[in-house]
């Protein structure tokens, strides 16, 4: 028996049917005999396709001059987030570039 449906020609997929494994097709065809089928796919990655993981945190948030309340550093990353009703202003969040302390400023 081949791996293709004799009715429509589509690939047959293994499916549990009680305690038997049969081959089924999306058109409704089902094999009548027990079939032991193993479908495998081997993927090889060439060196040029590998992704190097850098163990360095890359900050994409903009920076501003504001004093950190914890360490006194004069620079922090900032971002805005709508945390209240839509008709109220956004909340400013800051993260110190030196000690990573986070705080917020409600406008």
Protein backbone atom coordinates (compact mmCIF):
# COMPACT_ATOMS: atom_id res chain seq x y z
CA UNK A 1 0.00 0.00 0.00
CA UNK A 2 1.33 3.42 -0.93
CA UNK A 3 1.20 6.61 1.07
CA UNK A 4 -1.20 8.25 -1.38
CA UNK A 5 -4.99 8.04 -1.51
CA UNK A 6 -6.28 5.74 -4.27
CA UNK A 7 -9.40 7.95 -4.62
CA UNK A 8 -8.00 11.48 -4.86
CA UNK A 9 -4.21 11.11 -4.87
CA UNK A 10 -3.60 13.16 -1.68
CA UNK A 11 -1.04 12.07 0.89
CA UNK A 12 -2.43 9.71 3.55
CA UNK A 13 -1.86 10.56 7.22
CA UNK A 14 -1.74 8.08 10.11
CA UNK A 15 -4.65 8.30 12.54
CA UNK A 16 -5.52 6.29 15.65
CA UNK A 17 -8.74 4.31 15.21
CA UNK A 18 -9.40 2.54 18.49
CA UNK A 19 -6.36 0.35 19.14
CA UNK A 20 -5.30 0.36 15.47
CA UNK A 21 -3.45 2.91 13.41
CA UNK A 22 -4.93 3.42 9.95
CA UNK A 23 -4.12 5.76 7.11
CA UNK A 24 -6.76 8.42 6.48
CA UNK A 25 -7.31 11.00 3.77
CA UNK A 26 -9.10 14.34 3.91
CA UNK A 27 -11.53 13.07 1.23
CA UNK A 28 -12.84 10.43 3.64
CA UNK A 29 -10.87 7.38 2.46
CA UNK A 30 -9.51 5.12 5.21
CA UNK A 31 -7.26 2.07 4.89
CA UNK A 32 -8.82 -1.17 6.11
CA UNK A 33 -5.64 -2.77 7.38
CA UNK A 34 -3.42 -1.94 10.33
CA UNK A 35 -0.50 0.09 9.11
CA UNK A 36 2.73 0.93 10.88
CA UNK A 37 3.83 4.21 9.37
CA UNK A 38 6.53 6.51 10.62
CA UNK A 39 6.76 9.95 9.05
CA UNK A 40 10.09 11.71 9.59
CA UNK A 41 11.63 14.88 8.33
CA UNK A 42 15.32 15.59 8.66
CA UNK A 43 16.37 19.22 8.69
CA UNK A 44 20.00 20.16 8.35
CA UNK A 45 21.20 23.65 9.08
CA UNK A 46 24.29 24.88 7.37
CA UNK A 47 26.67 27.09 9.31
CA UNK A 48 25.64 30.17 7.32
CA UNK A 49 22.01 29.68 8.40
CA UNK A 50 22.70 29.50 12.15
CA UNK A 51 21.71 32.39 14.37
CA UNK A 52 24.23 33.57 16.93
CA UNK A 53 22.68 34.44 20.28
CA UNK A 54 24.28 37.46 21.86
CA UNK A 55 24.21 37.53 25.64
CA UNK A 56 23.90 41.30 25.71
CA UNK A 57 20.80 43.32 26.44
CA UNK A 58 20.06 45.77 23.64
CA UNK A 59 17.97 48.76 24.72
CA UNK A 60 15.67 50.24 22.12
CA UNK A 61 13.85 52.72 24.37
CA UNK A 62 14.84 56.38 24.04
CA UNK A 63 16.86 58.09 26.79
CA UNK A 64 16.17 61.30 28.65
CA UNK A 65 17.89 63.40 31.28
CA UNK A 66 16.12 62.73 34.57
CA UNK A 67 17.60 61.98 37.98
CA UNK A 68 17.15 58.44 39.30
CA UNK A 69 15.53 58.59 42.77
CA UNK A 70 17.53 55.53 43.87
CA UNK A 71 21.13 56.13 42.72
CA UNK A 72 21.11 59.72 41.45
CA UNK A 73 22.21 58.80 37.91
CA UNK A 74 21.17 61.66 35.55
CA UNK A 75 19.96 59.47 32.63
CA UNK A 76 17.10 57.01 32.16
CA UNK A 77 15.21 55.16 29.44
CA UNK A 78 11.57 56.18 29.09
CA UNK A 79 8.32 55.00 27.50
CA UNK A 80 4.67 56.04 27.60
CA UNK A 81 1.72 53.77 28.33
CA UNK A 82 -2.01 54.43 28.50
CA UNK A 83 -2.86 53.03 31.95
CA UNK A 84 -6.01 55.02 32.67
CA UNK A 85 -9.08 56.11 30.71
CA UNK A 86 -8.57 57.18 27.10
CA UNK A 87 -9.37 60.83 27.85
CA UNK A 88 -6.62 61.06 30.49
CA UNK A 89 -2.90 61.51 29.71
CA UNK A 90 -0.47 58.60 29.38
CA UNK A 91 1.76 57.46 32.23
CA UNK A 92 5.51 57.99 31.79
CA UNK A 93 7.72 55.11 32.85
CA UNK A 94 11.47 55.42 33.47
CA UNK A 95 14.30 52.90 33.93
CA UNK A 96 17.69 54.08 35.15
CA UNK A 97 20.54 53.41 32.70
CA UNK A 98 22.88 52.63 35.60
CA UNK A 99 20.99 50.65 38.29
CA UNK A 100 17.86 49.64 36.26
CA UNK A 101 15.53 51.06 38.93
CA UNK A 102 12.05 51.67 37.46
CA UNK A 103 9.58 54.37 38.42
CA UNK A 104 6.65 56.20 36.87
CA UNK A 105 5.45 59.74 36.53
CA UNK A 106 1.71 60.45 36.34
CA UNK A 107 1.12 63.55 34.21
